[in-house]
Amino acid sequence: MTGMPDAPQALRPDLALIADWIAPGARVLDLGCGDGALMAHLQARKQCRGYGVEIDAAAVLRCVRRGVNVIQQNIEAGLDMFAATHFDVVVLSMAIQATHRTEHVLREMSTVGSECVVSFPNFGHWYHAWSILRGRMPISRAMPYQWYDTPNLHLATARDFEDLLGKLGLEITARVFLADGRPVRLLASQRSTQAIYRFRRA
């Protein structure tokens, strides 16, 4: 493919926060990288190196157009190809709720990376509870699907996720909660639409 990579675009608020956590020059593995927006930003602004992993063919093509090194693969098939490569940070953004083998994915992330970052839609948001009380599955910006066509398999609250990290022997080093892209501090587990965690092996 010829021509210059597509120009970097403004990041979603959650991706911008994740990018702020990543040091200049870091080696990064972005799992479920989508169109490669995060890796393209890190390459252009922080001189980071690494790879994106994505299963969707159209998204892989967009990564290539952005100049991102991308591998087309299902992350649940394993990260064995990276066994000989260690990354400073492994990212899984807004995709863990769609994994079948969630524990396996988290273990593998912590094996190939010094630090890991995971974000997911917070099912503990008050609106979700209100929707269920009204007899309806919730639909929101963070989870914009009907019950019958959603890719989400494992919906979790912040406390659920923290319990799982503890079970796997993973230590939380930072956490941020967002509501429509803005940080939430007061009653965050009930008022946030997204949760973002940074963690490592204890």
N, C-alpha and C. Protein backbone atom coordinates (compact mmCIF):
# COMPACT_ATOMS: atom_id res chain seq x y z
N MET A 1 0.85 -1.18 0.00
CA MET A 1 0.00 0.00 0.00
C MET A 1 0.89 1.24 0.00
N THR A 2 0.57 2.22 -0.80
CA THR A 2 1.40 3.40 -0.93
C THR A 2 0.70 4.59 -0.29
N GLY A 3 1.47 5.70 -0.21
CA GLY A 3 0.90 6.91 0.34
C GLY A 3 1.23 7.06 1.80
N MET A 4 0.96 8.25 2.32
CA MET A 4 1.23 8.56 3.72
C MET A 4 0.12 8.01 4.61
N PRO A 5 0.47 7.64 5.88
CA PRO A 5 -0.57 7.22 6.82
C PRO A 5 -1.58 8.32 7.04
N ASP A 6 -2.82 7.90 7.35
CA ASP A 6 -3.85 8.88 7.67
C ASP A 6 -3.42 9.73 8.86
N ALA A 7 -3.80 11.01 8.86
CA ALA A 7 -3.44 11.91 9.95
C ALA A 7 -4.14 11.48 11.24
N PRO A 8 -3.43 11.58 12.40
CA PRO A 8 -4.05 11.23 13.68
C PRO A 8 -5.28 12.09 13.94
N GLN A 9 -6.30 11.49 14.54
CA GLN A 9 -7.52 12.22 14.87
C GLN A 9 -7.66 12.31 16.38
N ALA A 10 -8.55 13.18 16.84
CA ALA A 10 -8.78 13.33 18.28
C ALA A 10 -9.28 12.00 18.85
N LEU A 11 -8.76 11.64 20.02
CA LEU A 11 -9.13 10.39 20.65
C LEU A 11 -10.43 10.51 21.44
N ARG A 12 -11.14 9.40 21.57
CA ARG A 12 -12.25 9.33 22.52
C ARG A 12 -11.70 9.65 23.91
N PRO A 13 -12.53 10.20 24.80
CA PRO A 13 -12.04 10.56 26.14
C PRO A 13 -11.39 9.40 26.90
N ASP A 14 -11.96 8.19 26.81
CA ASP A 14 -11.36 7.07 27.53
C ASP A 14 -10.00 6.69 26.95
N LEU A 15 -9.87 6.74 25.63
CA LEU A 15 -8.58 6.44 25.01
C LEU A 15 -7.55 7.52 25.32
N ALA A 16 -7.99 8.77 25.39
CA ALA A 16 -7.08 9.86 25.74
C ALA A 16 -6.54 9.67 27.15
N LEU A 17 -7.38 9.23 28.07
CA LEU A 17 -6.93 8.99 29.43
C LEU A 17 -5.92 7.84 29.46
N ILE A 18 -6.22 6.77 28.74
CA ILE A 18 -5.29 5.65 28.67
C ILE A 18 -3.96 6.10 28.09
N ALA A 19 -3.99 6.91 27.04
CA ALA A 19 -2.77 7.40 26.42
C ALA A 19 -1.94 8.21 27.42
N ASP A 20 -2.60 8.97 28.28
CA ASP A 20 -1.89 9.75 29.29
C ASP A 20 -1.13 8.86 30.27
N TRP A 21 -1.63 7.66 30.50
CA TRP A 21 -0.98 6.73 31.42
C TRP A 21 0.28 6.09 30.81
N ILE A 22 0.43 6.14 29.52
CA ILE A 22 1.50 5.41 28.84
C ILE A 22 2.70 6.33 28.62
N ALA A 23 3.87 5.87 29.05
CA ALA A 23 5.09 6.68 28.99
C ALA A 23 5.60 6.80 27.56
N PRO A 24 6.26 7.90 27.23
CA PRO A 24 6.88 8.03 25.90
C PRO A 24 7.87 6.90 25.65
N GLY A 25 7.86 6.41 24.42
CA GLY A 25 8.78 5.36 24.03
C GLY A 25 8.41 3.96 24.49
N ALA A 26 7.26 3.81 25.12
CA ALA A 26 6.86 2.49 25.64
C ALA A 26 6.56 1.52 24.51
N ARG A 27 6.76 0.23 24.82
CA ARG A 27 6.32 -0.84 23.92
C ARG A 27 4.90 -1.22 24.32
N VAL A 28 3.97 -1.12 23.36
CA VAL A 28 2.55 -1.25 23.66
C VAL A 28 1.92 -2.34 22.80
N LEU A 29 1.07 -3.14 23.42
CA LEU A 29 0.25 -4.11 22.71
C LEU A 29 -1.20 -3.73 22.94
N ASP A 30 -1.91 -3.39 21.87
CA ASP A 30 -3.30 -2.94 21.96
C ASP A 30 -4.20 -4.05 21.43
N LEU A 31 -4.86 -4.76 22.34
CA LEU A 31 -5.71 -5.89 21.98
C LEU A 31 -7.11 -5.39 21.66
N GLY A 32 -7.70 -5.95 20.59
CA GLY A 32 -9.00 -5.46 20.15
C GLY A 32 -8.91 -3.99 19.79
N CYS A 33 -7.89 -3.66 18.99
CA CYS A 33 -7.50 -2.26 18.78
C CYS A 33 -8.45 -1.49 17.88
N GLY A 34 -9.46 -2.15 17.30
CA GLY A 34 -10.40 -1.43 16.44
C GLY A 34 -9.70 -0.81 15.25
N ASP A 35 -9.94 0.48 15.03
CA ASP A 35 -9.37 1.15 13.86
C ASP A 35 -7.94 1.66 14.08
N GLY A 36 -7.35 1.34 15.25
CA GLY A 36 -5.96 1.70 15.50
C GLY A 36 -5.76 3.12 15.99
N ALA A 37 -6.83 3.79 16.42
CA ALA A 37 -6.73 5.20 16.83
C ALA A 37 -5.73 5.39 17.97
N LEU A 38 -5.79 4.51 18.98
CA LEU A 38 -4.90 4.66 20.13
C LEU A 38 -3.44 4.47 19.73
N MET A 39 -3.14 3.38 19.00
CA MET A 39 -1.75 3.13 18.61
C MET A 39 -1.22 4.22 17.70
N ALA A 40 -2.05 4.71 16.79
CA ALA A 40 -1.61 5.78 15.89
C ALA A 40 -1.26 7.03 16.70
N HIS A 41 -2.07 7.33 17.70
CA HIS A 41 -1.80 8.48 18.57
C HIS A 41 -0.50 8.28 19.33
N LEU A 42 -0.30 7.11 19.91
CA LEU A 42 0.90 6.84 20.69
C LEU A 42 2.16 6.88 19.83
N GLN A 43 2.05 6.40 18.61
CA GLN A 43 3.19 6.45 17.70
C GLN A 43 3.55 7.89 17.34
N ALA A 44 2.52 8.68 17.03
CA ALA A 44 2.75 10.05 16.56
C ALA A 44 3.15 11.00 17.69
N ARG A 45 2.51 10.86 18.86
CA ARG A 45 2.71 11.82 19.94
C ARG A 45 3.73 11.39 20.98
N LYS A 46 3.91 10.07 21.14
CA LYS A 46 4.79 9.60 22.22
C LYS A 46 5.90 8.67 21.73
N GLN A 47 6.00 8.50 20.42
CA GLN A 47 7.05 7.66 19.84
C GLN A 47 7.05 6.25 20.45
N CYS A 48 5.86 5.76 20.74
CA CYS A 48 5.72 4.39 21.23
C CYS A 48 5.83 3.41 20.06
N ARG A 49 6.17 2.18 20.39
CA ARG A 49 6.25 1.12 19.40
C ARG A 49 5.37 -0.03 19.86
N GLY A 50 4.98 -0.87 18.91
CA GLY A 50 4.19 -2.02 19.29
C GLY A 50 3.25 -2.48 18.20
N TYR A 51 2.19 -3.16 18.63
CA TYR A 51 1.27 -3.79 17.70
C TYR A 51 -0.17 -3.61 18.17
N GLY A 52 -1.06 -3.63 17.21
CA GLY A 52 -2.47 -3.79 17.48
C GLY A 52 -2.88 -5.19 17.10
N VAL A 53 -3.88 -5.73 17.78
CA VAL A 53 -4.45 -7.04 17.44
C VAL A 53 -5.94 -6.84 17.26
N GLU A 54 -6.46 -7.26 16.11
CA GLU A 54 -7.86 -7.01 15.79
C GLU A 54 -8.37 -8.13 14.89
N ILE A 55 -9.62 -8.56 15.10
CA ILE A 55 -10.16 -9.65 14.31
C ILE A 55 -10.95 -9.17 13.10
N ASP A 56 -11.53 -7.97 13.17
CA ASP A 56 -12.38 -7.47 12.10
C ASP A 56 -11.55 -6.98 10.91
N ALA A 57 -11.83 -7.52 9.72
CA ALA A 57 -11.01 -7.22 8.54
C ALA A 57 -11.07 -5.75 8.15
N ALA A 58 -12.26 -5.14 8.24
CA ALA A 58 -12.38 -3.73 7.88
C ALA A 58 -11.58 -2.85 8.84
N ALA A 59 -11.61 -3.19 10.13
CA ALA A 59 -10.85 -2.42 11.11
C ALA A 59 -9.34 -2.60 10.89
N VAL A 60 -8.93 -3.81 10.53
CA VAL A 60 -7.52 -4.07 10.24
C VAL A 60 -7.05 -3.16 9.10
N LEU A 61 -7.87 -3.03 8.07
CA LEU A 61 -7.52 -2.17 6.94
C LEU A 61 -7.37 -0.72 7.39
N ARG A 62 -8.24 -0.26 8.28
CA ARG A 62 -8.13 1.11 8.78
C ARG A 62 -6.85 1.30 9.60
N CYS A 63 -6.46 0.26 10.34
CA CYS A 63 -5.19 0.31 11.08
C CYS A 63 -4.01 0.49 10.11
N VAL A 64 -4.02 -0.29 9.05
CA VAL A 64 -2.93 -0.21 8.07
C VAL A 64 -2.87 1.19 7.47
N ARG A 65 -4.03 1.76 7.16
CA ARG A 65 -4.06 3.10 6.60
C ARG A 65 -3.53 4.15 7.57
N ARG A 66 -3.65 3.87 8.88
CA ARG A 66 -3.11 4.78 9.88
C ARG A 66 -1.62 4.57 10.14
N GLY A 67 -1.04 3.54 9.52
CA GLY A 67 0.36 3.25 9.75
C GLY A 67 0.62 2.44 11.00
N VAL A 68 -0.40 1.71 11.48
CA VAL A 68 -0.28 0.89 12.69
C VAL A 68 0.08 -0.54 12.30
N ASN A 69 1.07 -1.11 12.97
CA ASN A 69 1.39 -2.53 12.79
C ASN A 69 0.29 -3.35 13.44
N VAL A 70 -0.44 -4.10 12.65
CA VAL A 70 -1.61 -4.80 13.17
C VAL A 70 -1.57 -6.26 12.75
N ILE A 71 -2.05 -7.12 13.65
CA ILE A 71 -2.14 -8.55 13.40
C ILE A 71 -3.61 -8.93 13.49
N GLN A 72 -4.11 -9.61 12.46
CA GLN A 72 -5.51 -10.02 12.47
C GLN A 72 -5.62 -11.36 13.18
N GLN A 73 -6.21 -11.32 14.36
CA GLN A 73 -6.33 -12.52 15.17
C GLN A 73 -7.36 -12.32 16.26
N ASN A 74 -7.99 -13.40 16.66
CA ASN A 74 -8.88 -13.41 17.81
C ASN A 74 -8.02 -13.48 19.07
N ILE A 75 -8.15 -12.50 19.96
CA ILE A 75 -7.28 -12.47 21.14
C ILE A 75 -7.51 -13.68 22.04
N GLU A 76 -8.68 -14.31 21.94
CA GLU A 76 -8.94 -15.48 22.78
C GLU A 76 -8.24 -16.73 22.27
N ALA A 77 -7.67 -16.65 21.07
CA ALA A 77 -6.87 -17.76 20.56
C ALA A 77 -5.53 -17.84 21.27
N GLY A 78 -5.21 -16.82 22.05
CA GLY A 78 -3.97 -16.82 22.82
C GLY A 78 -2.98 -15.80 22.31
N LEU A 79 -2.04 -15.45 23.17
CA LEU A 79 -1.00 -14.48 22.85
C LEU A 79 0.36 -15.15 22.73
N ASP A 80 0.37 -16.43 22.32
CA ASP A 80 1.61 -17.19 22.25
C ASP A 80 2.63 -16.55 21.32
N MET A 81 2.16 -15.88 20.26
CA MET A 81 3.09 -15.29 19.31
C MET A 81 3.92 -14.17 19.95
N PHE A 82 3.45 -13.68 21.11
CA PHE A 82 4.18 -12.62 21.80
C PHE A 82 4.97 -13.15 23.00
N ALA A 83 5.08 -14.47 23.11
CA ALA A 83 5.74 -15.06 24.28
C ALA A 83 7.18 -14.60 24.43
N ALA A 84 7.86 -14.36 23.31
CA ALA A 84 9.27 -13.94 23.36
C ALA A 84 9.42 -12.42 23.40
N THR A 85 8.31 -11.70 23.41
CA THR A 85 8.34 -10.23 23.40
C THR A 85 7.64 -9.72 24.64
N HIS A 86 8.30 -8.82 25.36
CA HIS A 86 7.66 -8.26 26.55
C HIS A 86 7.28 -6.81 26.28
N PHE A 87 6.07 -6.45 26.68
CA PHE A 87 5.56 -5.11 26.46
C PHE A 87 5.52 -4.34 27.78
N ASP A 88 5.69 -3.04 27.67
CA ASP A 88 5.55 -2.20 28.86
C ASP A 88 4.09 -2.11 29.28
N VAL A 89 3.20 -2.03 28.29
CA VAL A 89 1.77 -1.89 28.57
C VAL A 89 0.96 -2.73 27.58
N VAL A 90 -0.02 -3.45 28.11
CA VAL A 90 -0.99 -4.17 27.27
C VAL A 90 -2.36 -3.55 27.53
N VAL A 91 -3.04 -3.15 26.47
CA VAL A 91 -4.32 -2.45 26.58
C VAL A 91 -5.44 -3.31 26.01
N LEU A 92 -6.57 -3.33 26.71
CA LEU A 92 -7.79 -3.94 26.18
C LEU A 92 -8.92 -2.97 26.48
N SER A 93 -9.32 -2.19 25.47
CA SER A 93 -10.26 -1.10 25.67
C SER A 93 -11.66 -1.46 25.18
N MET A 94 -12.63 -1.42 26.09
CA MET A 94 -14.05 -1.61 25.79
C MET A 94 -14.30 -2.88 25.00
N ALA A 95 -13.60 -3.95 25.37
CA ALA A 95 -13.78 -5.22 24.66
C ALA A 95 -13.85 -6.42 25.59
N ILE A 96 -13.44 -6.28 26.84
CA ILE A 96 -13.38 -7.46 27.70
C ILE A 96 -14.76 -8.06 27.94
N GLN A 97 -15.81 -7.24 27.87
CA GLN A 97 -17.16 -7.75 28.09
C GLN A 97 -17.63 -8.65 26.96
N ALA A 98 -16.89 -8.65 25.84
CA ALA A 98 -17.25 -9.49 24.70
C ALA A 98 -16.41 -10.77 24.63
N THR A 99 -15.54 -11.00 25.62
CA THR A 99 -14.70 -12.20 25.61
C THR A 99 -15.44 -13.38 26.25
N HIS A 100 -15.15 -14.57 25.74
CA HIS A 100 -15.68 -15.78 26.34
C HIS A 100 -14.81 -16.24 27.51
N ARG A 101 -13.49 -16.20 27.32
CA ARG A 101 -12.54 -16.71 28.31
C ARG A 101 -11.88 -15.52 29.01
N THR A 102 -12.66 -14.81 29.78
CA THR A 102 -12.21 -13.55 30.35
C THR A 102 -11.00 -13.74 31.28
N GLU A 103 -11.05 -14.72 32.16
CA GLU A 103 -9.93 -14.97 33.07
C GLU A 103 -8.66 -15.28 32.28
N HIS A 104 -8.78 -16.10 31.27
CA HIS A 104 -7.63 -16.48 30.44
C HIS A 104 -7.02 -15.25 29.78
N VAL A 105 -7.86 -14.37 29.25
CA VAL A 105 -7.36 -13.16 28.58
C VAL A 105 -6.59 -12.29 29.57
N LEU A 106 -7.14 -12.09 30.77
CA LEU A 106 -6.47 -11.26 31.76
C LEU A 106 -5.14 -11.87 32.20
N ARG A 107 -5.11 -13.18 32.38
CA ARG A 107 -3.85 -13.84 32.77
C ARG A 107 -2.78 -13.65 31.69
N GLU A 108 -3.17 -13.84 30.44
CA GLU A 108 -2.21 -13.71 29.35
C GLU A 108 -1.73 -12.27 29.21
N MET A 109 -2.62 -11.31 29.38
CA MET A 109 -2.20 -9.91 29.34
C MET A 109 -1.12 -9.64 30.38
N SER A 110 -1.32 -10.13 31.60
CA SER A 110 -0.38 -9.87 32.68
C SER A 110 0.92 -10.64 32.50
N THR A 111 0.91 -11.65 31.64
CA THR A 111 2.13 -12.42 31.36
C THR A 111 3.03 -11.70 30.37
N VAL A 112 2.44 -11.11 29.35
CA VAL A 112 3.25 -10.47 28.29
C VAL A 112 3.50 -8.99 28.55
N GLY A 113 2.84 -8.40 29.56
CA GLY A 113 3.01 -6.98 29.82
C GLY A 113 3.39 -6.67 31.25
N SER A 114 4.22 -5.65 31.45
CA SER A 114 4.55 -5.20 32.80
C SER A 114 3.34 -4.59 33.48
N GLU A 115 2.56 -3.85 32.69
CA GLU A 115 1.31 -3.27 33.19
C GLU A 115 0.21 -3.54 32.18
N CYS A 116 -1.02 -3.56 32.69
CA CYS A 116 -2.18 -3.78 31.82
C CYS A 116 -3.20 -2.67 32.09
N VAL A 117 -3.94 -2.34 31.05
CA VAL A 117 -5.04 -1.37 31.18
C VAL A 117 -6.27 -1.97 30.53
N VAL A 118 -7.36 -1.99 31.28
CA VAL A 118 -8.63 -2.53 30.78
C VAL A 118 -9.73 -1.50 31.06
N SER A 119 -10.56 -1.25 30.05
CA SER A 119 -11.75 -0.43 30.26
C SER A 119 -12.97 -1.22 29.84
N PHE A 120 -14.11 -0.90 30.45
CA PHE A 120 -15.35 -1.62 30.14
C PHE A 120 -16.54 -0.77 30.55
N PRO A 121 -17.72 -1.04 29.96
CA PRO A 121 -18.93 -0.32 30.39
C PRO A 121 -19.34 -0.78 31.79
N ASN A 122 -19.60 0.16 32.67
CA ASN A 122 -19.94 -0.15 34.05
C ASN A 122 -21.43 -0.49 34.17
N PHE A 123 -21.71 -1.76 34.41
CA PHE A 123 -23.11 -2.19 34.51
C PHE A 123 -23.74 -1.75 35.83
N GLY A 124 -22.91 -1.23 36.76
CA GLY A 124 -23.43 -0.77 38.04
C GLY A 124 -24.05 0.62 37.98
N HIS A 125 -24.04 1.26 36.82
CA HIS A 125 -24.64 2.59 36.69
C HIS A 125 -26.12 2.55 37.08
N TRP A 126 -26.56 3.58 37.76
CA TRP A 126 -27.93 3.59 38.30
C TRP A 126 -28.98 3.39 37.21
N TYR A 127 -28.73 3.89 36.01
CA TYR A 127 -29.73 3.79 34.96
C TYR A 127 -29.99 2.33 34.57
N HIS A 128 -28.94 1.52 34.63
CA HIS A 128 -29.11 0.11 34.28
C HIS A 128 -30.03 -0.58 35.28
N ALA A 129 -29.80 -0.29 36.57
CA ALA A 129 -30.67 -0.88 37.60
C ALA A 129 -32.11 -0.39 37.41
N TRP A 130 -32.29 0.88 37.10
CA TRP A 130 -33.63 1.44 36.89
C TRP A 130 -34.31 0.78 35.70
N SER A 131 -33.58 0.54 34.62
CA SER A 131 -34.15 -0.11 33.45
C SER A 131 -34.64 -1.51 33.78
N ILE A 132 -33.85 -2.25 34.53
CA ILE A 132 -34.23 -3.61 34.89
C ILE A 132 -35.46 -3.61 35.80
N LEU A 133 -35.51 -2.65 36.72
CA LEU A 133 -36.68 -2.53 37.59
C LEU A 133 -37.95 -2.26 36.78
N ARG A 134 -37.80 -1.58 35.63
CA ARG A 134 -38.93 -1.31 34.75
C ARG A 134 -39.22 -2.48 33.80
N GLY A 135 -38.43 -3.55 33.95
CA GLY A 135 -38.66 -4.73 33.12
C GLY A 135 -37.97 -4.70 31.77
N ARG A 136 -36.97 -3.82 31.60
CA ARG A 136 -36.27 -3.69 30.33
C ARG A 136 -34.76 -3.84 30.51
N MET A 137 -34.12 -4.50 29.56
CA MET A 137 -32.66 -4.49 29.54
C MET A 137 -32.20 -3.09 29.16
N PRO A 138 -31.14 -2.60 29.83
CA PRO A 138 -30.71 -1.22 29.58
C PRO A 138 -30.05 -1.03 28.22
N ILE A 139 -30.30 0.13 27.63
CA ILE A 139 -29.62 0.57 26.41
C ILE A 139 -29.08 1.96 26.71
N SER A 140 -27.78 2.15 26.48
CA SER A 140 -27.14 3.42 26.79
C SER A 140 -26.05 3.68 25.77
N ARG A 141 -25.39 4.84 25.89
CA ARG A 141 -24.29 5.14 24.97
C ARG A 141 -23.16 4.12 25.10
N ALA A 142 -22.90 3.68 26.32
CA ALA A 142 -21.82 2.70 26.55
C ALA A 142 -22.24 1.30 26.11
N MET A 143 -23.54 1.02 26.12
CA MET A 143 -24.05 -0.28 25.71
C MET A 143 -25.24 -0.07 24.77
N PRO A 144 -24.98 0.31 23.53
CA PRO A 144 -26.06 0.74 22.63
C PRO A 144 -26.71 -0.40 21.83
N TYR A 145 -26.93 -1.54 22.47
CA TYR A 145 -27.46 -2.69 21.74
C TYR A 145 -28.75 -3.19 22.37
N GLN A 146 -29.59 -3.80 21.53
CA GLN A 146 -30.74 -4.53 22.04
C GLN A 146 -30.25 -5.84 22.65
N TRP A 147 -31.07 -6.44 23.52
CA TRP A 147 -30.65 -7.66 24.20
C TRP A 147 -30.35 -8.79 23.23
N TYR A 148 -31.00 -8.79 22.04
CA TYR A 148 -30.87 -9.91 21.11
C TYR A 148 -29.73 -9.74 20.11
N ASP A 149 -29.12 -8.55 20.03
CA ASP A 149 -28.03 -8.40 19.07
C ASP A 149 -26.74 -7.87 19.70
N THR A 150 -26.68 -7.91 21.04
CA THR A 150 -25.51 -7.37 21.71
C THR A 150 -24.30 -8.31 21.60
N PRO A 151 -23.10 -7.75 21.39
CA PRO A 151 -21.88 -8.58 21.43
C PRO A 151 -21.41 -8.80 22.86
N ASN A 152 -22.02 -8.11 23.82
CA ASN A 152 -21.57 -8.22 25.21
C ASN A 152 -22.03 -9.54 25.82
N LEU A 153 -21.05 -10.27 26.37
CA LEU A 153 -21.33 -11.57 26.97
C LEU A 153 -21.31 -11.53 28.49
N HIS A 154 -20.40 -10.72 29.04
CA HIS A 154 -20.20 -10.69 30.48
C HIS A 154 -20.23 -9.24 30.97
N LEU A 155 -21.38 -8.80 31.39
CA LEU A 155 -21.51 -7.45 31.92
C LEU A 155 -21.09 -7.44 33.39
N ALA A 156 -20.36 -6.39 33.80
CA ALA A 156 -19.80 -6.37 35.15
C ALA A 156 -19.90 -4.98 35.75
N THR A 157 -19.94 -4.95 37.07
CA THR A 157 -19.79 -3.70 37.80
C THR A 157 -18.32 -3.52 38.15
N ALA A 158 -17.99 -2.34 38.64
CA ALA A 158 -16.60 -2.09 39.05
C ALA A 158 -16.18 -3.06 40.14
N ARG A 159 -17.05 -3.31 41.10
CA ARG A 159 -16.70 -4.23 42.19
C ARG A 159 -16.50 -5.65 41.68
N ASP A 160 -17.32 -6.08 40.73
CA ASP A 160 -17.14 -7.40 40.13
C ASP A 160 -15.74 -7.52 39.53
N PHE A 161 -15.34 -6.50 38.77
CA PHE A 161 -14.05 -6.54 38.10
C PHE A 161 -12.91 -6.54 39.12
N GLU A 162 -13.02 -5.74 40.15
CA GLU A 162 -11.98 -5.71 41.17
C GLU A 162 -11.86 -7.05 41.88
N ASP A 163 -12.99 -7.70 42.13
CA ASP A 163 -12.96 -9.03 42.75
C ASP A 163 -12.22 -10.02 41.86
N LEU A 164 -12.47 -9.95 40.55
CA LEU A 164 -11.81 -10.87 39.62
C LEU A 164 -10.30 -10.62 39.59
N LEU A 165 -9.89 -9.36 39.55
CA LEU A 165 -8.45 -9.07 39.57
C LEU A 165 -7.81 -9.63 40.83
N GLY A 166 -8.47 -9.48 41.98
CA GLY A 166 -7.94 -10.04 43.22
C GLY A 166 -7.82 -11.55 43.16
N LYS A 167 -8.81 -12.20 42.61
CA LYS A 167 -8.79 -13.66 42.47
C LYS A 167 -7.61 -14.11 41.62
N LEU A 168 -7.26 -13.33 40.60
CA LEU A 168 -6.17 -13.68 39.69
C LEU A 168 -4.80 -13.22 40.18
N GLY A 169 -4.75 -12.61 41.35
CA GLY A 169 -3.48 -12.14 41.89
C GLY A 169 -2.94 -10.92 41.18
N LEU A 170 -3.85 -10.06 40.70
CA LEU A 170 -3.46 -8.85 39.98
C LEU A 170 -3.74 -7.62 40.84
N GLU A 171 -2.76 -6.73 40.91
CA GLU A 171 -2.80 -5.57 41.79
C GLU A 171 -3.21 -4.31 41.03
N ILE A 172 -4.23 -3.64 41.51
CA ILE A 172 -4.69 -2.39 40.88
C ILE A 172 -3.73 -1.26 41.25
N THR A 173 -3.25 -0.54 40.24
CA THR A 173 -2.36 0.59 40.48
C THR A 173 -3.04 1.94 40.20
N ALA A 174 -4.12 1.94 39.45
CA ALA A 174 -4.88 3.17 39.20
C ALA A 174 -6.25 2.79 38.68
N ARG A 175 -7.21 3.68 38.91
CA ARG A 175 -8.56 3.47 38.38
C ARG A 175 -9.20 4.83 38.16
N VAL A 176 -9.98 4.93 37.10
CA VAL A 176 -10.71 6.15 36.78
C VAL A 176 -12.10 5.76 36.31
N PHE A 177 -13.08 6.54 36.69
CA PHE A 177 -14.45 6.31 36.26
C PHE A 177 -14.93 7.51 35.46
N LEU A 178 -15.60 7.23 34.34
CA LEU A 178 -16.08 8.29 33.47
C LEU A 178 -17.60 8.18 33.28
N ALA A 179 -18.22 9.32 33.12
CA ALA A 179 -19.64 9.39 32.73
C ALA A 179 -19.70 10.28 31.50
N ASP A 180 -20.03 9.67 30.37
CA ASP A 180 -20.07 10.42 29.10
C ASP A 180 -18.76 11.17 28.85
N GLY A 181 -17.65 10.50 29.16
CA GLY A 181 -16.33 11.05 28.88
C GLY A 181 -15.75 11.94 29.95
N ARG A 182 -16.50 12.23 31.02
CA ARG A 182 -16.00 13.11 32.08
C ARG A 182 -15.72 12.32 33.35
N PRO A 183 -14.64 12.65 34.07
CA PRO A 183 -14.31 11.93 35.30
C PRO A 183 -15.42 12.06 36.35
N VAL A 184 -15.66 10.96 37.06
CA VAL A 184 -16.64 10.92 38.14
C VAL A 184 -15.93 10.47 39.41
N ARG A 185 -16.13 11.18 40.50
CA ARG A 185 -15.49 10.81 41.77
C ARG A 185 -16.52 10.45 42.84
N LEU A 186 -17.55 11.25 42.98
CA LEU A 186 -18.56 11.00 44.00
C LEU A 186 -19.50 9.88 43.54
N LEU A 187 -19.64 8.84 44.37
CA LEU A 187 -20.50 7.70 44.04
C LEU A 187 -20.18 7.16 42.64
N ALA A 188 -18.89 7.01 42.37
CA ALA A 188 -18.44 6.66 41.02
C ALA A 188 -19.00 5.33 40.54
N SER A 189 -19.09 4.34 41.41
CA SER A 189 -19.54 3.02 40.97
C SER A 189 -21.01 3.02 40.53
N GLN A 190 -21.78 4.02 41.01
CA GLN A 190 -23.19 4.12 40.61
C GLN A 190 -23.42 5.16 39.51
N ARG A 191 -22.51 6.12 39.36
CA ARG A 191 -22.75 7.23 38.44
C ARG A 191 -21.91 7.16 37.17
N SER A 192 -20.95 6.26 37.11
CA SER A 192 -20.07 6.21 35.93
C SER A 192 -20.62 5.25 34.88
N THR A 193 -20.37 5.59 33.63
CA THR A 193 -20.76 4.71 32.52
C THR A 193 -19.60 3.84 32.05
N GLN A 194 -18.36 4.25 32.36
CA GLN A 194 -17.17 3.49 31.99
C GLN A 194 -16.23 3.40 33.19
N ALA A 195 -15.57 2.26 33.29
CA ALA A 195 -14.52 2.08 34.31
C ALA A 195 -13.21 1.75 33.58
N ILE A 196 -12.12 2.35 34.04
CA ILE A 196 -10.81 2.12 33.45
C ILE A 196 -9.84 1.75 34.56
N TYR A 197 -9.17 0.61 34.43
CA TYR A 197 -8.27 0.11 35.46
C TYR A 197 -6.87 -0.11 34.88
N ARG A 198 -5.88 0.22 35.70
CA ARG A 198 -4.49 -0.12 35.40
C ARG A 198 -4.05 -1.09 36.48
N PHE A 199 -3.41 -2.18 36.09
CA PHE A 199 -3.04 -3.20 37.06
C PHE A 199 -1.81 -3.97 36.60
N ARG A 200 -1.26 -4.78 37.52
CA ARG A 200 -0.08 -5.59 37.23
C ARG A 200 -0.09 -6.81 38.14
N ARG A 201 0.83 -7.71 37.88
CA ARG A 201 0.96 -8.86 38.77
C ARG A 201 1.38 -8.39 40.16
N ALA A 202 0.75 -8.96 41.17
CA ALA A 202 1.07 -8.55 42.53
C ALA A 202 2.46 -9.04 42.92
